[in-house]
């Protein structure tokens, strides 16, 4: 990865071309204000979030994640007919059942 130093003014003026260049050429920009670094701009080279962003493991959902893995391994799964869910209350009652 190449690192380039740019001014805040240059970043503001050229943001639309800088992100494309960063993506294509794997460039990290360090943005300066009054000769001091204020932030970095790094390209995202692949889809780090992925299509499963809503089911990824996080510390907040640890217990639910472990429980879900256990239920899946035991074959305890549920099919949801989304056409029957019309309101938020319908969804909540489905989850609680």
PDB file of N, CA and C in Angstrom:
ATOM      1  N   UNK A   1       0.846  -1.173   0.000  1.00  0.00           N
ATOM      2  CA  UNK A   1       0.000   0.000   0.000  1.00  0.00           C
ATOM      3  C   UNK A   1       0.895   1.242   0.000  1.00  0.00           C
ATOM      4  N   UNK A   2       0.551   2.181  -0.852  1.00  0.00           N
ATOM      5  CA  UNK A   2       1.253   3.455  -0.946  1.00  0.00           C
ATOM      6  C   UNK A   2       0.549   4.476  -0.066  1.00  0.00           C
ATOM      7  N   UNK A   3       1.332   5.343   0.570  1.00  0.00           N
ATOM      8  CA  UNK A   3       0.758   6.403   1.392  1.00  0.00           C
ATOM      9  C   UNK A   3       1.068   7.747   0.756  1.00  0.00           C
ATOM     10  N   UNK A   4       0.042   8.571   0.632  1.00  0.00           N
ATOM     11  CA  UNK A   4       0.220   9.916   0.088  1.00  0.00           C
ATOM     12  C   UNK A   4      -0.306  10.932   1.092  1.00  0.00           C
ATOM     13  N   UNK A   5       0.405  12.041   1.229  1.00  0.00           N
ATOM     14  CA  UNK A   5      -0.017  13.138   2.089  1.00  0.00           C
ATOM     15  C   UNK A   5      -0.722  14.175   1.233  1.00  0.00           C
ATOM     16  N   UNK A   6      -1.906  14.585   1.664  1.00  0.00           N
ATOM     17  CA  UNK A   6      -2.650  15.603   0.923  1.00  0.00           C
ATOM     18  C   UNK A   6      -3.250  16.607   1.910  1.00  0.00           C
ATOM     19  N   UNK A   7      -3.504  17.789   1.421  1.00  0.00           N
ATOM     20  CA  UNK A   7      -4.111  18.814   2.273  1.00  0.00           C
ATOM     21  C   UNK A   7      -5.617  18.580   2.376  1.00  0.00           C
ATOM     22  N   UNK A   8      -6.190  19.129   3.414  1.00  0.00           N
ATOM     23  CA  UNK A   8      -7.634  19.031   3.595  1.00  0.00           C
ATOM     24  C   UNK A   8      -8.361  19.688   2.430  1.00  0.00           C
ATOM     25  N   UNK A   9      -7.836  20.782   1.963  1.00  0.00           N
ATOM     26  CA  UNK A   9      -8.426  21.488   0.826  1.00  0.00           C
ATOM     27  C   UNK A   9      -8.415  20.606  -0.430  1.00  0.00           C
ATOM     28  N   UNK A  10      -7.291  19.949  -0.679  1.00  0.00           N
ATOM     29  CA  UNK A  10      -7.200  19.054  -1.839  1.00  0.00           C
ATOM     30  C   UNK A  10      -8.169  17.882  -1.691  1.00  0.00           C
ATOM     31  N   UNK A  11      -8.277  17.360  -0.490  1.00  0.00           N
ATOM     32  CA  UNK A  11      -9.200  16.256  -0.240  1.00  0.00           C
ATOM     33  C   UNK A  11     -10.641  16.666  -0.532  1.00  0.00           C
ATOM     34  N   UNK A  12     -11.031  17.841  -0.042  1.00  0.00           N
ATOM     35  CA  UNK A  12     -12.394  18.335  -0.282  1.00  0.00           C
ATOM     36  C   UNK A  12     -12.681  18.522  -1.769  1.00  0.00           C
ATOM     37  N   UNK A  13     -11.731  19.089  -2.476  1.00  0.00           N
ATOM     38  CA  UNK A  13     -11.942  19.380  -3.897  1.00  0.00           C
ATOM     39  C   UNK A  13     -11.965  18.126  -4.760  1.00  0.00           C
ATOM     40  N   UNK A  14     -11.200  17.120  -4.386  1.00  0.00           N
ATOM     41  CA  UNK A  14     -11.002  15.961  -5.267  1.00  0.00           C
ATOM     42  C   UNK A  14     -11.473  14.639  -4.677  1.00  0.00           C
ATOM     43  N   UNK A  15     -12.375  14.673  -3.732  1.00  0.00           N
ATOM     44  CA  UNK A  15     -12.778  13.436  -3.058  1.00  0.00           C
ATOM     45  C   UNK A  15     -13.311  12.381  -4.035  1.00  0.00           C
ATOM     46  N   UNK A  16     -14.052  12.811  -5.041  1.00  0.00           N
ATOM     47  CA  UNK A  16     -14.640  11.836  -5.969  1.00  0.00           C
ATOM     48  C   UNK A  16     -13.586  11.118  -6.809  1.00  0.00           C
ATOM     49  N   UNK A  17     -12.509  11.783  -7.132  1.00  0.00           N
ATOM     50  CA  UNK A  17     -11.444  11.109  -7.891  1.00  0.00           C
ATOM     51  C   UNK A  17     -10.455  10.405  -6.973  1.00  0.00           C
ATOM     52  N   UNK A  18     -10.260  10.939  -5.767  1.00  0.00           N
ATOM     53  CA  UNK A  18      -9.300  10.331  -4.844  1.00  0.00           C
ATOM     54  C   UNK A  18      -9.740   8.943  -4.394  1.00  0.00           C
ATOM     55  N   UNK A  19     -11.032   8.768  -4.110  1.00  0.00           N
ATOM     56  CA  UNK A  19     -11.453   7.447  -3.642  1.00  0.00           C
ATOM     57  C   UNK A  19     -11.321   6.404  -4.743  1.00  0.00           C
ATOM     58  N   UNK A  20     -11.578   6.815  -5.986  1.00  0.00           N
ATOM     59  CA  UNK A  20     -11.428   5.872  -7.099  1.00  0.00           C
ATOM     60  C   UNK A  20      -9.966   5.481  -7.281  1.00  0.00           C
ATOM     61  N   UNK A  21      -9.100   6.481  -7.216  1.00  0.00           N
ATOM     62  CA  UNK A  21      -7.664   6.233  -7.356  1.00  0.00           C
ATOM     63  C   UNK A  21      -7.163   5.353  -6.204  1.00  0.00           C
ATOM     64  N   UNK A  22      -7.641   5.625  -4.994  1.00  0.00           N
ATOM     65  CA  UNK A  22      -7.247   4.824  -3.834  1.00  0.00           C
ATOM     66  C   UNK A  22      -7.669   3.370  -4.008  1.00  0.00           C
ATOM     67  N   UNK A  23      -8.860   3.171  -4.515  1.00  0.00           N
ATOM     68  CA  UNK A  23      -9.382   1.820  -4.726  1.00  0.00           C
ATOM     69  C   UNK A  23      -8.584   1.079  -5.801  1.00  0.00           C
ATOM     70  N   UNK A  24      -8.317   1.747  -6.901  1.00  0.00           N
ATOM     71  CA  UNK A  24      -7.640   1.110  -8.029  1.00  0.00           C
ATOM     72  C   UNK A  24      -6.161   0.859  -7.760  1.00  0.00           C
ATOM     73  N   UNK A  25      -5.497   1.806  -7.090  1.00  0.00           N
ATOM     74  CA  UNK A  25      -4.047   1.725  -6.933  1.00  0.00           C
ATOM     75  C   UNK A  25      -3.610   1.407  -5.502  1.00  0.00           C
ATOM     76  N   UNK A  26      -4.563   1.094  -4.637  1.00  0.00           N
ATOM     77  CA  UNK A  26      -4.278   0.730  -3.253  1.00  0.00           C
ATOM     78  C   UNK A  26      -3.461   1.815  -2.547  1.00  0.00           C
ATOM     79  N   UNK A  27      -4.021   3.017  -2.506  1.00  0.00           N
ATOM     80  CA  UNK A  27      -3.350   4.169  -1.908  1.00  0.00           C
ATOM     81  C   UNK A  27      -4.067   4.565  -0.623  1.00  0.00           C
ATOM     82  N   UNK A  28      -3.281   4.817   0.408  1.00  0.00           N
ATOM     83  CA  UNK A  28      -3.814   5.357   1.662  1.00  0.00           C
ATOM     84  C   UNK A  28      -3.463   6.837   1.690  1.00  0.00           C
ATOM     85  N   UNK A  29      -4.454   7.676   1.955  1.00  0.00           N
ATOM     86  CA  UNK A  29      -4.223   9.115   2.040  1.00  0.00           C
ATOM     87  C   UNK A  29      -4.195   9.541   3.501  1.00  0.00           C
ATOM     88  N   UNK A  30      -3.199  10.348   3.843  1.00  0.00           N
ATOM     89  CA  UNK A  30      -3.158  11.001   5.144  1.00  0.00           C
ATOM     90  C   UNK A  30      -3.497  12.458   4.877  1.00  0.00           C
ATOM     91  N   UNK A  31      -4.610  12.898   5.440  1.00  0.00           N
ATOM     92  CA  UNK A  31      -5.091  14.258   5.193  1.00  0.00           C
ATOM     93  C   UNK A  31      -4.518  15.177   6.270  1.00  0.00           C
ATOM     94  N   UNK A  32      -3.933  16.286   5.807  1.00  0.00           N
ATOM     95  CA  UNK A  32      -3.262  17.230   6.695  1.00  0.00           C
ATOM     96  C   UNK A  32      -4.025  18.542   6.786  1.00  0.00           C
ATOM     97  N   UNK A  33      -3.991  19.122   7.971  1.00  0.00           N
ATOM     98  CA  UNK A  33      -4.513  20.464   8.171  1.00  0.00           C
ATOM     99  C   UNK A  33      -3.442  21.238   8.933  1.00  0.00           C
ATOM    100  N   UNK A  34      -2.966  22.305   8.337  1.00  0.00           N
ATOM    101  CA  UNK A  34      -1.868  23.093   8.918  1.00  0.00           C
ATOM    102  C   UNK A  34      -0.663  22.203   9.214  1.00  0.00           C
ATOM    103  N   UNK A  35      -0.329  21.352   8.269  1.00  0.00           N
ATOM    104  CA  UNK A  35       0.820  20.437   8.329  1.00  0.00           C
ATOM    105  C   UNK A  35       0.728  19.383   9.426  1.00  0.00           C
ATOM    106  N   UNK A  36      -0.464  19.149   9.943  1.00  0.00           N
ATOM    107  CA  UNK A  36      -0.668  18.104  10.946  1.00  0.00           C
ATOM    108  C   UNK A  36      -1.657  17.082  10.408  1.00  0.00           C
ATOM    109  N   UNK A  37      -1.360  15.805  10.592  1.00  0.00           N
ATOM    110  CA  UNK A  37      -2.309  14.783  10.143  1.00  0.00           C
ATOM    111  C   UNK A  37      -3.583  14.828  10.983  1.00  0.00           C
ATOM    112  N   UNK A  38      -4.723  14.810  10.298  1.00  0.00           N
ATOM    113  CA  UNK A  38      -5.997  14.836  11.026  1.00  0.00           C
ATOM    114  C   UNK A  38      -6.809  13.555  10.834  1.00  0.00           C
ATOM    115  N   UNK A  39      -6.647  12.890   9.690  1.00  0.00           N
ATOM    116  CA  UNK A  39      -7.275  11.586   9.520  1.00  0.00           C
ATOM    117  C   UNK A  39      -6.671  10.871   8.327  1.00  0.00           C
ATOM    118  N   UNK A  40      -6.962   9.569   8.249  1.00  0.00           N
ATOM    119  CA  UNK A  40      -6.497   8.736   7.141  1.00  0.00           C
ATOM    120  C   UNK A  40      -7.690   8.266   6.330  1.00  0.00           C
ATOM    121  N   UNK A  41      -7.449   8.082   5.059  1.00  0.00           N
ATOM    122  CA  UNK A  41      -8.458   7.526   4.167  1.00  0.00           C
ATOM    123  C   UNK A  41      -7.851   6.270   3.563  1.00  0.00           C
ATOM    124  N   UNK A  42      -8.465   5.122   3.864  1.00  0.00           N
ATOM    125  CA  UNK A  42      -7.968   3.835   3.376  1.00  0.00           C
ATOM    126  C   UNK A  42      -8.982   3.215   2.435  1.00  0.00           C
ATOM    127  N   UNK A  43      -8.529   2.593   1.356  1.00  0.00           N
ATOM    128  CA  UNK A  43      -9.475   1.922   0.466  1.00  0.00           C
ATOM    129  C   UNK A  43      -9.970   0.616   1.084  1.00  0.00           C
ATOM    130  N   UNK A  44     -11.209   0.298   0.789  1.00  0.00           N
ATOM    131  CA  UNK A  44     -11.757  -1.001   1.154  1.00  0.00           C
ATOM    132  C   UNK A  44     -11.583  -1.867  -0.080  1.00  0.00           C
ATOM    133  N   UNK A  45     -10.701  -2.850   0.016  1.00  0.00           N
ATOM    134  CA  UNK A  45     -10.337  -3.621  -1.167  1.00  0.00           C
ATOM    135  C   UNK A  45     -11.279  -4.770  -1.463  1.00  0.00           C
ATOM    136  N   UNK A  46     -12.053  -5.171  -0.485  1.00  0.00           N
ATOM    137  CA  UNK A  46     -13.055  -6.197  -0.733  1.00  0.00           C
ATOM    138  C   UNK A  46     -14.249  -5.898   0.155  1.00  0.00           C
ATOM    139  N   UNK A  47     -15.264  -6.677  -0.002  1.00  0.00           N
ATOM    140  CA  UNK A  47     -16.473  -6.456   0.782  1.00  0.00           C
ATOM    141  C   UNK A  47     -16.269  -7.074   2.162  1.00  0.00           C
ATOM    142  N   UNK A  48     -15.699  -6.290   3.085  1.00  0.00           N
ATOM    143  CA  UNK A  48     -15.393  -6.828   4.405  1.00  0.00           C
ATOM    144  C   UNK A  48     -16.639  -7.087   5.229  1.00  0.00           C
ATOM    145  N   UNK A  49     -17.719  -6.403   4.917  1.00  0.00           N
ATOM    146  CA  UNK A  49     -18.955  -6.633   5.652  1.00  0.00           C
ATOM    147  C   UNK A  49     -19.645  -7.883   5.128  1.00  0.00           C
ATOM    148  N   UNK A  50     -19.643  -8.047   3.842  1.00  0.00           N
ATOM    149  CA  UNK A  50     -20.252  -9.221   3.246  1.00  0.00           C
ATOM    150  C   UNK A  50     -21.760  -9.123   3.179  1.00  0.00           C
ATOM    151  N   UNK A  51     -22.347 -10.118   2.583  1.00  0.00           N
ATOM    152  CA  UNK A  51     -23.798 -10.138   2.447  1.00  0.00           C
ATOM    153  C   UNK A  51     -24.488 -10.589   3.723  1.00  0.00           C
ATOM    154  N   UNK A  52     -23.714 -11.088   4.671  1.00  0.00           N
ATOM    155  CA  UNK A  52     -24.303 -11.567   5.915  1.00  0.00           C
ATOM    156  C   UNK A  52     -24.081 -10.585   7.059  1.00  0.00           C
ATOM    157  N   UNK A  53     -24.067  -9.305   6.759  1.00  0.00           N
ATOM    158  CA  UNK A  53     -23.800  -8.286   7.782  1.00  0.00           C
ATOM    159  C   UNK A  53     -24.766  -8.370   8.952  1.00  0.00           C
ATOM    160  N   UNK A  54     -25.986  -8.813   8.694  1.00  0.00           N
ATOM    161  CA  UNK A  54     -26.992  -8.854   9.756  1.00  0.00           C
ATOM    162  C   UNK A  54     -26.879 -10.077  10.652  1.00  0.00           C
ATOM    163  N   UNK A  55     -26.041 -11.047  10.297  1.00  0.00           N
ATOM    164  CA  UNK A  55     -25.918 -12.240  11.128  1.00  0.00           C
ATOM    165  C   UNK A  55     -24.488 -12.475  11.600  1.00  0.00           C
ATOM    166  N   UNK A  56     -23.639 -11.490  11.469  1.00  0.00           N
ATOM    167  CA  UNK A  56     -22.261 -11.665  11.890  1.00  0.00           C
ATOM    168  C   UNK A  56     -22.152 -11.692  13.406  1.00  0.00           C
ATOM    169  N   UNK A  57     -21.135 -12.387  13.870  1.00  0.00           N
ATOM    170  CA  UNK A  57     -20.883 -12.478  15.300  1.00  0.00           C
ATOM    171  C   UNK A  57     -20.327 -11.157  15.818  1.00  0.00           C
ATOM    172  N   UNK A  58     -20.875 -10.697  16.928  1.00  0.00           N
ATOM    173  CA  UNK A  58     -20.347  -9.534  17.639  1.00  0.00           C
ATOM    174  C   UNK A  58     -20.390  -9.854  19.130  1.00  0.00           C
ATOM    175  N   UNK A  59     -19.622  -9.156  19.947  1.00  0.00           N
ATOM    176  CA  UNK A  59     -19.688  -9.414  21.390  1.00  0.00           C
ATOM    177  C   UNK A  59     -21.088  -9.220  21.974  1.00  0.00           C
ATOM    178  N   UNK A  60     -21.872  -8.309  21.396  1.00  0.00           N
ATOM    179  CA  UNK A  60     -23.216  -8.055  21.922  1.00  0.00           C
ATOM    180  C   UNK A  60     -24.163  -9.233  21.702  1.00  0.00           C
ATOM    181  N   UNK A  61     -23.966  -9.977  20.613  1.00  0.00           N
ATOM    182  CA  UNK A  61     -24.903 -11.065  20.327  1.00  0.00           C
ATOM    183  C   UNK A  61     -24.299 -12.444  20.596  1.00  0.00           C
ATOM    184  N   UNK A  62     -23.292 -12.508  21.456  1.00  0.00           N
ATOM    185  CA  UNK A  62     -22.576 -13.759  21.714  1.00  0.00           C
ATOM    186  C   UNK A  62     -23.505 -14.892  22.156  1.00  0.00           C
ATOM    187  N   UNK A  63     -24.333 -14.645  23.163  1.00  0.00           N
ATOM    188  CA  UNK A  63     -25.207 -15.710  23.671  1.00  0.00           C
ATOM    189  C   UNK A  63     -26.204 -16.172  22.612  1.00  0.00           C
ATOM    190  N   UNK A  64     -26.784 -15.225  21.895  1.00  0.00           N
ATOM    191  CA  UNK A  64     -27.745 -15.582  20.845  1.00  0.00           C
ATOM    192  C   UNK A  64     -27.050 -16.344  19.722  1.00  0.00           C
ATOM    193  N   UNK A  65     -25.823 -15.967  19.411  1.00  0.00           N
ATOM    194  CA  UNK A  65     -25.048 -16.626  18.352  1.00  0.00           C
ATOM    195  C   UNK A  65     -24.776 -18.083  18.724  1.00  0.00           C
ATOM    196  N   UNK A  66     -24.341 -18.316  19.951  1.00  0.00           N
ATOM    197  CA  UNK A  66     -24.064 -19.674  20.419  1.00  0.00           C
ATOM    198  C   UNK A  66     -25.344 -20.509  20.408  1.00  0.00           C
ATOM    199  N   UNK A  67     -26.435 -19.927  20.884  1.00  0.00           N
ATOM    200  CA  UNK A  67     -27.722 -20.633  20.908  1.00  0.00           C
ATOM    201  C   UNK A  67     -28.183 -20.975  19.491  1.00  0.00           C
ATOM    202  N   UNK A  68     -28.045 -20.040  18.571  1.00  0.00           N
ATOM    203  CA  UNK A  68     -28.463 -20.281  17.186  1.00  0.00           C
ATOM    204  C   UNK A  68     -27.622 -21.380  16.547  1.00  0.00           C
ATOM    205  N   UNK A  69     -26.316 -21.371  16.781  1.00  0.00           N
ATOM    206  CA  UNK A  69     -25.459 -22.427  16.230  1.00  0.00           C
ATOM    207  C   UNK A  69     -25.861 -23.791  16.777  1.00  0.00           C
ATOM    208  N   UNK A  70     -26.183 -23.834  18.071  1.00  0.00           N
ATOM    209  CA  UNK A  70     -26.604 -25.089  18.696  1.00  0.00           C
ATOM    210  C   UNK A  70     -27.910 -25.581  18.075  1.00  0.00           C
ATOM    211  N   UNK A  71     -28.878 -24.685  17.935  1.00  0.00           N
ATOM    212  CA  UNK A  71     -30.168 -25.064  17.358  1.00  0.00           C
ATOM    213  C   UNK A  71     -30.026 -25.516  15.909  1.00  0.00           C
ATOM    214  N   UNK A  72     -29.185 -24.841  15.147  1.00  0.00           N
ATOM    215  CA  UNK A  72     -28.973 -25.257  13.757  1.00  0.00           C
ATOM    216  C   UNK A  72     -28.333 -26.638  13.681  1.00  0.00           C
ATOM    217  N   UNK A  73     -27.357 -26.902  14.549  1.00  0.00           N
ATOM    218  CA  UNK A  73     -26.696 -28.209  14.524  1.00  0.00           C
ATOM    219  C   UNK A  73     -27.646 -29.329  14.939  1.00  0.00           C
ATOM    220  N   UNK A  74     -28.652 -28.998  15.756  1.00  0.00           N
ATOM    221  CA  UNK A  74     -29.641 -29.988  16.190  1.00  0.00           C
ATOM    222  C   UNK A  74     -30.832 -30.075  15.244  1.00  0.00           C
ATOM    223  N   UNK A  75     -30.841 -29.266  14.195  1.00  0.00           N
ATOM    224  CA  UNK A  75     -31.933 -29.292  13.233  1.00  0.00           C
ATOM    225  C   UNK A  75     -33.172 -28.551  13.679  1.00  0.00           C
ATOM    226  N   UNK A  76     -33.051 -27.730  14.688  1.00  0.00           N
ATOM    227  CA  UNK A  76     -34.199 -26.969  15.190  1.00  0.00           C
ATOM    228  C   UNK A  76     -34.273 -25.629  14.462  1.00  0.00           C
ATOM    229  N   UNK A  77     -34.852 -25.640  13.302  1.00  0.00           N
ATOM    230  CA  UNK A  77     -34.984 -24.408  12.527  1.00  0.00           C
ATOM    231  C   UNK A  77     -36.451 -24.131  12.249  1.00  0.00           C
ATOM    232  N   UNK A  78     -36.745 -22.913  11.885  1.00  0.00           N
ATOM    233  CA  UNK A  78     -38.116 -22.502  11.618  1.00  0.00           C
ATOM    234  C   UNK A  78     -38.183 -21.817  10.266  1.00  0.00           C
ATOM    235  N   UNK A  79     -39.202 -22.140   9.502  1.00  0.00           N
ATOM    236  CA  UNK A  79     -39.448 -21.419   8.261  1.00  0.00           C
ATOM    237  C   UNK A  79     -40.428 -20.294   8.545  1.00  0.00           C
ATOM    238  N   UNK A  80     -40.143 -19.131   8.031  1.00  0.00           N
ATOM    239  CA  UNK A  80     -40.997 -17.968   8.266  1.00  0.00           C
ATOM    240  C   UNK A  80     -41.701 -17.601   6.972  1.00  0.00           C
ATOM    241  N   UNK A  81     -43.013 -17.494   7.044  1.00  0.00           N
ATOM    242  CA  UNK A  81     -43.799 -17.035   5.901  1.00  0.00           C
ATOM    243  C   UNK A  81     -43.967 -15.520   6.038  1.00  0.00           C
ATOM    244  N   UNK A  82     -43.116 -14.778   5.352  1.00  0.00           N
ATOM    245  CA  UNK A  82     -43.114 -13.325   5.476  1.00  0.00           C
ATOM    246  C   UNK A  82     -44.381 -12.676   4.922  1.00  0.00           C
ATOM    247  N   UNK A  83     -45.124 -13.390   4.104  1.00  0.00           N
ATOM    248  CA  UNK A  83     -46.361 -12.817   3.571  1.00  0.00           C
ATOM    249  C   UNK A  83     -47.416 -12.645   4.666  1.00  0.00           C
ATOM    250  N   UNK A  84     -47.280 -13.383   5.764  1.00  0.00           N
ATOM    251  CA  UNK A  84     -48.235 -13.276   6.865  1.00  0.00           C
ATOM    252  C   UNK A  84     -47.876 -12.169   7.850  1.00  0.00           C
ATOM    253  N   UNK A  85     -46.698 -11.597   7.715  1.00  0.00           N
ATOM    254  CA  UNK A  85     -46.270 -10.533   8.626  1.00  0.00           C
ATOM    255  C   UNK A  85     -46.652  -9.197   8.011  1.00  0.00           C
ATOM    256  N   UNK A  86     -47.668  -8.576   8.588  1.00  0.00           N
ATOM    257  CA  UNK A  86     -48.167  -7.292   8.072  1.00  0.00           C
ATOM    258  C   UNK A  86     -47.753  -6.117   8.950  1.00  0.00           C
ATOM    259  N   UNK A  87     -47.596  -6.374  10.244  1.00  0.00           N
ATOM    260  CA  UNK A  87     -47.273  -5.288  11.172  1.00  0.00           C
ATOM    261  C   UNK A  87     -46.087  -5.691  12.041  1.00  0.00           C
ATOM    262  N   UNK A  88     -45.588  -4.723  12.767  1.00  0.00           N
ATOM    263  CA  UNK A  88     -44.493  -4.990  13.697  1.00  0.00           C
ATOM    264  C   UNK A  88     -44.945  -5.946  14.798  1.00  0.00           C
ATOM    265  N   UNK A  89     -46.193  -5.814  15.223  1.00  0.00           N
ATOM    266  CA  UNK A  89     -46.729  -6.704  16.262  1.00  0.00           C
ATOM    267  C   UNK A  89     -46.772  -8.154  15.784  1.00  0.00           C
ATOM    268  N   UNK A  90     -47.104  -8.362  14.505  1.00  0.00           N
ATOM    269  CA  UNK A  90     -47.092  -9.715  13.940  1.00  0.00           C
ATOM    270  C   UNK A  90     -45.689 -10.310  14.026  1.00  0.00           C
ATOM    271  N   UNK A  91     -44.709  -9.503  13.702  1.00  0.00           N
ATOM    272  CA  UNK A  91     -43.320  -9.955  13.728  1.00  0.00           C
ATOM    273  C   UNK A  91     -42.884 -10.292  15.151  1.00  0.00           C
ATOM    274  N   UNK A  92     -43.225  -9.428  16.094  1.00  0.00           N
ATOM    275  CA  UNK A  92     -42.841  -9.650  17.491  1.00  0.00           C
ATOM    276  C   UNK A  92     -43.498 -10.905  18.043  1.00  0.00           C
ATOM    277  N   UNK A  93     -44.769 -11.109  17.730  1.00  0.00           N
ATOM    278  CA  UNK A  93     -45.442 -12.317  18.223  1.00  0.00           C
ATOM    279  C   UNK A  93     -44.839 -13.575  17.595  1.00  0.00           C
ATOM    280  N   UNK A  94     -44.393 -13.490  16.363  1.00  0.00           N
ATOM    281  CA  UNK A  94     -43.743 -14.623  15.713  1.00  0.00           C
ATOM    282  C   UNK A  94     -42.418 -14.950  16.395  1.00  0.00           C
ATOM    283  N   UNK A  95     -41.671 -13.930  16.733  1.00  0.00           N
ATOM    284  CA  UNK A  95     -40.380 -14.140  17.390  1.00  0.00           C
ATOM    285  C   UNK A  95     -40.562 -14.759  18.772  1.00  0.00           C
ATOM    286  N   UNK A  96     -41.568 -14.301  19.492  1.00  0.00           N
ATOM    287  CA  UNK A  96     -41.800 -14.796  20.853  1.00  0.00           C
ATOM    288  C   UNK A  96     -42.336 -16.217  20.874  1.00  0.00           C
ATOM    289  N   UNK A  97     -42.928 -16.667  19.784  1.00  0.00           N
ATOM    290  CA  UNK A  97     -43.502 -18.019  19.771  1.00  0.00           C
ATOM    291  C   UNK A  97     -42.455 -19.086  19.544  1.00  0.00           C
TER     292      UNK A  97
END
